[in-house]
Amino acid sequence: MKTKIILASLILTLSFIANAANLSDAKLAKKAEVILRVKLTQGIAVCDKYCQEKVEILEVLKNNSAYSFSETVDIFYRSGEKGVPFGISTIYLEKYAPSRNDLWKLVGGKRETGGSHYTIVKIGMPLSEVEEFMGSLGATDAAMDMMVEEGYDLKNYQLPDGRVLSVVSEKIKGIWVVNSINVCTNPNTPKLERTWENISEFNS
């Protein structure tokens, strides 16, 4: 009986290790005290020298700290840098302050060194995958007065942070794929006064 229990425990442990490896980046993991699989639930609430975002914890992949994580946690990152990506991602954390065990920031204070394994909307991506990702964010259709050339299709999404994402797609070998991406940088102004930025990929 003991042998069966030990074997079952070993299988669970190996399964956990394999899952953590599949959902994390070995290079980024080296500098992280904590690695979490999360879903962004609240964008920037406070932003000064550091910005703060709330995430829902889906899985704890690594925890070398004495802190016990609950269902949600606030994450900090440096102002002017990219933070936790939209949707589901893996984040790599270090203490916000050495004396605090309950405040956490992205390693290096930015997504580049503190985030991985998230969806990026990019040129050439099938439109069906864009639709699925936008649905997972809770993004809604945004009716906009914009012209598009014949042979192309236009879809606008109202993002959770108020911005509008405009995706132009074209049909290649029977599949609609992303041709160009534009994001509205000042969504609170009237439609005719909005500024659009052309980007090669999106998740920010």
Foldseek 3Di string as FASTA:
>chain_A
DVVVVVVVVVVVVVVLLVVLPVADDPVLQVPFQWKFWWAFDAPFPDADQKTKTKIATPDTSHHNAPDDDDGMAIEIAGPPAAAEWHGIWMFGWDAPDPVDRRYIYGVVRHCVSTIDDDDKQFFFAFVVVVVVSLVRQVWDWDDAPDDDDPQKDWTWTQGPVRKIKIFIWHADPNTTTTHWIKIFPDRVDDRVPTDIDTDRMDID
